[in-house]
Protein backbone atom coordinates (compact mmCIF):
# COMPACT_ATOMS: atom_id res chain seq x y z
CA MET A 1 -27.62 -21.63 -7.69
CA GLU A 2 -24.36 -23.26 -6.62
CA ASP A 3 -23.43 -23.67 -10.29
CA LEU A 4 -23.64 -19.89 -10.82
CA PHE A 5 -22.50 -18.35 -7.53
CA SER A 6 -19.95 -19.16 -4.83
CA LEU A 7 -20.24 -17.25 -1.56
CA PRO A 8 -16.64 -18.00 -0.43
CA ILE A 9 -15.19 -16.67 -3.70
CA PHE A 10 -17.48 -13.61 -3.55
CA PHE A 11 -16.28 -12.77 -0.04
CA ILE A 12 -12.62 -13.33 -0.83
CA THR A 13 -12.67 -11.13 -3.96
CA PHE A 14 -14.61 -8.43 -2.12
CA ARG A 15 -12.17 -8.64 0.77
CA GLU A 16 -9.11 -8.34 -1.43
CA SER A 17 -10.56 -5.57 -3.62
CA LEU A 18 -11.75 -3.54 -0.63
CA GLU A 19 -8.29 -2.65 0.66
CA THR A 20 -7.10 -1.76 -2.84
CA ALA A 21 -10.18 0.39 -3.44
CA ILE A 22 -9.65 2.24 -0.16
CA ILE A 23 -6.02 3.06 -0.92
CA VAL A 24 -6.69 4.09 -4.54
CA SER A 25 -9.62 6.31 -3.50
CA VAL A 26 -7.53 7.98 -0.79
CA LEU A 27 -4.70 8.64 -3.26
CA LEU A 28 -7.05 10.12 -5.88
CA ALA A 29 -8.72 12.35 -3.29
CA PHE A 30 -5.27 13.30 -1.99
CA ILE A 31 -4.20 14.39 -5.49
CA LYS A 32 -7.41 16.27 -6.24
CA ARG A 33 -7.60 18.19 -2.99
CA THR A 34 -3.97 18.97 -2.22
CA LEU A 35 -1.05 18.36 -4.55
CA ALA A 36 -2.67 19.15 -7.89
CA THR A 37 -4.62 22.34 -8.46
CA GLN A 38 -6.69 23.62 -11.34
CA ASP A 39 -3.89 25.91 -12.50
CA ASP A 40 -1.67 22.89 -13.29
CA PRO A 41 -3.89 20.36 -15.13
CA VAL A 42 -0.92 18.63 -16.77
CA LEU A 43 0.63 17.71 -13.40
CA HIS A 44 -2.77 16.60 -12.12
CA GLN A 45 -3.23 14.33 -15.12
CA LYS A 46 0.22 12.77 -14.69
CA MET A 47 -0.40 12.06 -11.02
CA VAL A 48 -3.78 10.45 -11.68
CA GLN A 49 -2.25 8.43 -14.51
CA GLN A 50 0.42 7.09 -12.15
CA VAL A 51 -2.23 5.83 -9.73
CA TRP A 52 -4.27 4.13 -12.47
CA PHE A 53 -1.18 2.77 -14.24
CA GLY A 54 0.01 1.29 -10.94
CA THR A 55 -3.40 -0.28 -10.36
CA ALA A 56 -3.58 -1.64 -13.93
CA ALA A 57 0.00 -2.95 -13.79
CA GLY A 58 -0.72 -4.73 -10.52
CA LEU A 59 -3.90 -6.23 -11.97
CA LEU A 60 -2.11 -7.39 -15.11
CA THR A 61 0.67 -8.91 -13.04
CA CYS A 62 -1.95 -10.74 -10.94
CA VAL A 63 -3.49 -12.19 -14.11
CA LEU A 64 -0.09 -13.47 -15.23
CA ILE A 65 0.57 -14.85 -11.75
CA ALA A 66 -2.84 -16.56 -11.81
CA ILE A 67 -1.98 -18.26 -15.09
CA ALA A 68 1.39 -19.38 -13.69
CA ILE A 69 -0.16 -20.61 -10.44
CA ILE A 70 -2.90 -22.61 -12.13
CA SER A 71 -0.36 -24.12 -14.52
CA GLY A 72 1.98 -24.84 -11.61
CA ILE A 73 -0.74 -26.52 -9.58
CA HIS A 74 -1.60 -28.83 -12.46
CA SER A 75 2.03 -29.64 -13.26
CA LEU A 76 3.65 -29.73 -9.80
CA GLY A 77 0.72 -30.55 -7.57
CA ALA A 78 -1.10 -28.35 -5.10
CA GLU A 79 0.92 -29.58 -2.11
CA GLN A 80 4.30 -28.65 -3.55
CA PHE A 81 3.15 -25.29 -4.84
CA ALA A 82 1.44 -24.31 -1.58
CA ALA A 83 4.66 -24.86 0.38
CA ALA A 84 5.86 -21.29 -0.28
CA GLU A 85 2.43 -19.60 -0.08
CA SER A 86 2.91 -18.24 3.44
CA ILE A 87 6.38 -16.92 2.63
CA TRP A 88 5.17 -14.88 -0.35
CA GLU A 89 2.16 -13.54 1.54
CA GLY A 90 4.44 -12.54 4.42
CA VAL A 91 6.87 -10.72 2.13
CA PHE A 92 4.11 -8.83 0.31
CA SER A 93 2.39 -7.90 3.59
CA LEU A 94 5.55 -6.47 5.14
CA GLY A 95 6.42 -4.58 1.95
CA ALA A 96 2.97 -3.03 1.64
CA SER A 97 3.00 -2.09 5.33
CA LEU A 98 6.28 -0.19 4.99
CA ILE A 99 5.10 1.68 1.88
CA ILE A 100 1.80 2.71 3.49
CA THR A 101 3.65 3.83 6.62
CA ALA A 102 5.94 6.10 4.62
CA MET A 103 3.00 7.52 2.65
CA GLY A 104 1.09 8.31 5.86
CA ALA A 105 3.76 10.70 7.12
CA VAL A 106 3.59 12.55 3.81
CA LEU A 107 -0.21 12.85 3.94
CA LEU A 108 -0.22 14.52 7.36
CA ARG A 109 2.19 17.25 6.31
CA VAL A 110 0.87 17.93 2.85
CA THR A 111 -1.39 20.86 3.76
CA LYS A 112 1.66 22.88 4.81
CA LEU A 113 4.09 21.49 2.28
CA GLN A 114 1.83 21.07 -0.75
CA ASP A 115 3.66 23.73 -2.78
CA LYS A 116 7.01 22.10 -2.03
CA TRP A 117 5.71 18.62 -2.89
CA ARG A 118 3.96 19.86 -6.02
CA LEU A 119 7.25 21.35 -7.18
CA LYS A 120 9.22 18.18 -6.36
CA LEU A 121 6.74 15.88 -8.09
CA SER A 122 6.47 18.24 -11.03
CA LYS A 123 10.24 18.17 -11.52
CA ALA A 124 10.35 14.41 -11.15
CA LEU A 125 7.39 13.71 -13.44
CA ASN A 126 8.53 16.15 -16.11
CA ALA A 127 12.17 15.04 -16.09
CA THR A 128 13.41 13.96 -19.50
CA GLU A 129 16.79 12.62 -18.42
CA SER A 130 17.61 9.95 -15.88
CA HIS A 131 18.98 11.18 -12.58
CA LYS A 132 22.73 10.81 -12.27
CA GLY A 133 24.65 10.43 -9.06
CA PRO A 134 25.21 7.92 -6.26
CA PHE A 135 23.07 4.79 -6.23
CA ARG A 136 21.21 5.93 -3.11
CA ASP A 137 20.28 9.23 -4.76
CA ARG A 138 19.06 7.45 -7.88
CA ILE A 139 16.84 5.17 -5.79
CA LYS A 140 15.43 8.18 -3.93
CA TYR A 141 14.82 9.97 -7.23
CA LEU A 142 12.96 6.99 -8.70
CA GLY A 143 10.96 6.60 -5.50
CA GLU A 144 9.80 10.21 -5.70
CA LYS A 145 9.05 10.03 -9.41
CA TYR A 146 6.99 6.84 -9.20
CA ALA A 147 5.65 7.10 -5.63
CA LEU A 148 2.03 7.27 -6.76
CA PHE A 149 2.61 4.26 -9.02
CA LEU A 150 4.30 1.99 -6.50
CA LEU A 151 1.72 2.07 -3.70
CA PRO A 152 -1.31 0.87 -5.73
CA PHE A 153 0.91 -1.54 -7.68
CA ILE A 154 2.22 -3.27 -4.54
CA THR A 155 -1.24 -3.25 -2.93
CA VAL A 156 -3.00 -4.76 -5.95
CA LEU A 157 -0.20 -7.28 -6.38
CA ARG A 158 -0.35 -8.44 -2.76
CA GLU A 159 -4.15 -8.58 -2.53
CA GLY A 160 -4.50 -10.17 -5.95
CA PHE A 161 -1.85 -12.77 -5.18
CA GLU A 162 -3.66 -13.80 -2.01
CA GLY A 163 -7.01 -13.94 -3.81
CA VAL A 164 -5.59 -15.99 -6.67
CA LEU A 165 -4.17 -18.55 -4.24
CA PHE A 166 -7.52 -18.93 -2.53
CA ILE A 167 -9.53 -19.21 -5.76
CA ALA A 168 -7.04 -21.71 -7.18
CA GLY A 169 -7.40 -23.81 -4.05
CA VAL A 170 -11.21 -23.96 -3.93
CA GLY A 171 -11.86 -23.62 -7.65
CA VAL A 172 -11.31 -27.30 -8.36
CA SER A 173 -14.81 -28.22 -7.14
CA ILE A 174 -16.57 -25.06 -8.40
CA SER A 175 -17.83 -24.39 -11.91
CA SER A 176 -16.07 -21.82 -14.09
CA ALA A 177 -19.27 -19.76 -14.32
CA ALA A 178 -19.56 -19.56 -10.53
CA ILE A 179 -15.92 -18.47 -10.23
CA ALA A 180 -16.32 -15.75 -12.87
CA ILE A 181 -19.66 -14.39 -11.62
CA SER A 182 -18.67 -14.41 -7.95
CA SER A 183 -15.32 -12.75 -8.66
CA VAL A 184 -16.88 -9.99 -10.79
CA LEU A 185 -19.56 -9.25 -8.18
CA GLY A 186 -16.98 -9.14 -5.38
CA LEU A 187 -14.71 -6.80 -7.34
CA ALA A 188 -17.66 -4.58 -8.29
CA LEU A 189 -18.77 -4.23 -4.67
CA GLY A 190 -15.23 -3.38 -3.56
CA ALA A 191 -14.95 -0.75 -6.31
CA PHE A 192 -18.31 0.73 -5.25
CA VAL A 193 -17.11 1.11 -1.66
CA GLY A 194 -13.94 2.83 -2.90
CA TYR A 195 -15.98 5.19 -5.09
CA PHE A 196 -18.20 6.04 -2.12
CA ILE A 197 -15.12 6.85 -0.02
CA TYR A 198 -13.72 9.04 -2.81
CA LYS A 199 -16.97 10.98 -3.17
CA GLY A 200 -17.33 11.39 0.57
CA SER A 201 -13.83 12.83 0.84
CA LYS A 202 -14.82 15.82 -1.34
CA THR A 203 -17.13 17.26 1.31
CA ALA A 204 -14.83 16.85 4.31
CA PRO A 205 -12.38 19.60 5.36
CA ILE A 206 -8.93 18.93 3.96
CA GLN A 207 -7.10 18.63 7.28
CA LEU A 208 -9.82 16.41 8.77
CA PHE A 209 -9.79 14.21 5.66
CA LEU A 210 -6.00 13.83 5.80
CA ILE A 211 -5.95 12.95 9.51
CA VAL A 212 -8.82 10.44 9.30
CA SER A 213 -7.56 8.81 6.10
CA THR A 214 -3.99 8.59 7.46
CA CYS A 215 -5.18 6.99 10.70
CA PHE A 216 -7.18 4.47 8.67
CA LEU A 217 -4.18 3.71 6.45
CA TYR A 218 -2.01 3.17 9.53
CA LEU A 219 -4.58 0.71 10.92
CA ILE A 220 -4.30 -1.20 7.65
CA ALA A 221 -0.49 -1.01 7.73
CA ALA A 222 -0.36 -2.27 11.34
CA GLY A 223 -2.56 -5.21 10.39
CA LEU A 224 -0.38 -5.96 7.37
CA PHE A 225 2.79 -5.88 9.47
CA SER A 226 1.27 -8.26 12.00
CA LYS A 227 -0.04 -10.54 9.24
CA GLY A 228 3.38 -10.62 7.62
CA VAL A 229 4.98 -11.95 10.81
CA TRP A 230 2.04 -14.34 11.31
CA HIS A 231 2.53 -15.81 7.82
CA PHE A 232 6.21 -16.49 8.51
CA GLU A 233 5.33 -18.26 11.77
CA GLN A 234 2.57 -20.17 10.02
CA ASN A 235 5.07 -21.31 7.41
CA GLU A 236 7.25 -22.79 10.16
CA TRP A 237 4.23 -24.60 11.64
CA ASN A 238 3.26 -25.93 8.20
CA LYS A 239 6.71 -27.49 7.95
CA ILE A 240 6.23 -29.21 11.31
CA VAL A 241 2.79 -30.66 10.53
CA GLY A 242 3.86 -31.51 6.99
CA GLY A 243 1.19 -29.56 5.12
CA ASP A 244 -1.10 -26.54 5.08
CA ALA A 245 -2.42 -26.15 8.63
CA ALA A 246 -5.35 -24.09 7.35
CA GLU A 247 -6.80 -27.28 5.88
CA LEU A 248 -7.25 -28.59 9.42
CA GLY A 249 -9.86 -25.91 10.16
CA SER A 250 -9.85 -24.16 13.54
CA GLY A 251 -9.41 -27.16 15.82
CA PRO A 252 -6.39 -28.94 17.31
CA GLY A 253 -3.42 -29.15 15.00
CA SER A 254 -4.30 -25.99 13.09
CA TYR A 255 -2.01 -23.82 15.24
CA ASP A 256 1.19 -24.02 17.27
CA VAL A 257 0.14 -24.08 20.92
CA ARG A 258 3.69 -23.19 22.00
CA ARG A 259 3.45 -19.75 20.35
CA SER A 260 -0.27 -19.17 20.82
CA VAL A 261 -1.55 -16.04 22.57
CA TRP A 262 -5.21 -16.77 21.93
CA HIS A 263 -7.17 -19.18 19.78
CA VAL A 264 -10.91 -19.34 19.13
CA ASN A 265 -12.60 -22.10 17.18
CA CYS A 266 -14.76 -19.60 15.30
CA CYS A 267 -14.15 -16.36 13.40
CA ASN A 268 -11.56 -17.94 11.09
CA PRO A 269 -10.81 -15.52 8.21
CA ASP A 270 -9.42 -18.32 6.02
CA LEU A 271 -12.39 -20.71 5.97
CA ASN A 272 -15.12 -20.42 3.31
CA GLY A 273 -14.02 -16.95 2.31
CA GLY A 274 -14.04 -15.71 5.89
CA GLY A 275 -17.25 -13.67 5.61
CA PHE A 276 -17.13 -10.68 7.93
CA TRP A 277 -14.00 -12.01 9.62
CA GLY A 278 -12.25 -12.21 6.26
CA ILE A 279 -12.98 -8.51 5.69
CA PHE A 280 -11.86 -7.80 9.26
CA ASN A 281 -8.63 -9.65 8.48
CA ALA A 282 -8.01 -7.74 5.25
CA VAL A 283 -8.61 -4.30 6.75
CA LEU A 284 -7.32 -4.63 10.33
CA GLY A 285 -5.31 -7.87 10.33
CA TRP A 286 -7.60 -9.98 12.55
CA GLN A 287 -6.54 -13.57 13.22
CA ASN A 288 -8.57 -16.10 15.19
CA SER A 289 -5.29 -17.75 16.19
CA ALA A 290 -2.83 -15.09 17.29
CA THR A 291 0.82 -15.89 17.87
CA VAL A 292 3.40 -14.26 20.08
CA GLY A 293 5.13 -12.84 17.01
CA SER A 294 1.97 -11.37 15.47
CA VAL A 295 0.85 -9.70 18.72
CA VAL A 296 4.30 -8.37 19.62
CA SER A 297 4.93 -7.11 16.08
CA TYR A 298 1.55 -5.31 16.05
CA ASN A 299 2.40 -3.46 19.26
CA LEU A 300 5.99 -2.78 18.19
CA TYR A 301 4.67 -1.29 14.94
CA TRP A 302 2.67 1.31 16.86
CA VAL A 303 5.62 2.00 19.16
CA ALA A 304 7.82 2.57 16.09
CA VAL A 305 5.23 4.84 14.43
CA ALA A 306 4.72 6.87 17.61
CA THR A 307 8.48 7.17 18.10
CA GLY A 308 8.92 8.23 14.48
CA PHE A 309 6.31 10.99 14.72
CA PHE A 310 7.71 12.13 18.06
CA ALA A 311 11.17 12.39 16.48
CA MET A 312 9.74 14.34 13.52
CA ILE A 313 8.02 16.82 15.83
CA CYS A 314 11.18 17.26 17.92
CA LYS A 315 13.21 17.82 14.77
CA GLU A 316 10.78 20.46 13.54
CA LYS A 317 10.85 22.26 16.88
CA GLY A 318 14.64 22.16 16.87
CA TYR A 319 15.34 20.42 20.16
CA TRP A 320 15.16 17.02 21.85
CA PRO A 321 13.84 16.18 25.34
CA PHE A 322 16.41 16.18 28.15
CA ALA A 323 18.78 18.17 25.93
CA LYS A 324 19.67 21.83 25.98
CA LYS A 325 17.40 23.79 23.71
CA ASP A 326 19.27 25.08 20.72
CA THR A 327 18.86 28.82 20.52
CA GLN A 328 20.34 28.95 17.05
CA ARG A 329 17.92 27.65 14.43
CA GLN A 330 19.35 26.08 11.30
CA GLU A 331 19.01 28.32 8.28
CA HIS A 332 17.26 25.63 6.24
CA GLU A 333 14.67 24.97 8.96
CA GLY A 334 12.81 28.23 8.60
CA ASP A 335 10.63 27.81 5.56
CA ASP A 336 10.42 24.10 4.82
CA GLN A 337 9.66 22.75 8.29
CA GLU A 338 6.08 23.26 9.46
CA PRO A 339 4.21 21.83 12.45
CA LEU A 340 3.13 18.30 11.66
CA LEU A 341 -0.54 18.66 12.60
CA SER A 342 -1.00 22.40 12.36
CA ARG A 343 -4.06 23.77 10.67
CA PRO A 344 -3.70 25.27 7.20
CA ALA A 345 -3.95 29.01 6.88
CA ARG A 346 -7.42 30.24 5.98
């Protein structure tokens, strides 16, 4: 049985595919139920294509990275190649967290602004000429045009990169058949969960679906932000101990006691695929060895998100706390600005 199946690889591929499946399913449901309607099938098709192209591009990039990593391990040695592993995982985690955070604010307002967003995306997707103007405007234009491409691309790239590193590390002592079968089964189970979420979203009220899915995405983003900081701190500890601290297990020497907030000798998401704790780590950012930076960054993330939404609500209402209420509304704030969490008109 061990020659045909590896439980650690199964769990790690399921863990990495689960987050991607959740985000892709939420985006597809978001497109189907809000931005794209039946009277504009061309726009709907382009939006769906962006999501799938982003997913496919991320998957293809992961395959190329896997080839480069395996070649690098054989040519440079696992120790030298693993030196920058935590840095890359930290960068990808922070990047994905910021993208998901920006997308969440859009999701909450889409029921009131879906016509405006449909028009903006339609203009961007149907544009035949490149946008001209200042560099900042060009970046904003490209971000709007390829927004539905970038989020799944970055997510697949980050999750796939982490999975490839794990499989490359443990795959030396596992047969090729076990790696292939376990990876396919893990990916299939993750895709099934995403499909179930997509189907379930069809029966839920639109506003309820958007609120629940956005809250879930923000939980993922908060975990990613915390994990990003944790990876940078882990990289510093790896330099001190002179190697990958994860190889030491969960005991003494596997963590920096000077920066430790809590440490438990069980529930390690990085050992043997992590099992349930590996899934908990992928979705919510759990670590059995929390650092000051990871805990503080997790809380600061929620403070920043709450402050951002508070500022958005104040801006829409036209006044700020402890300031004189402006009796003159801006002309451009009449039609476009709608209450952030108001119910759609029946």
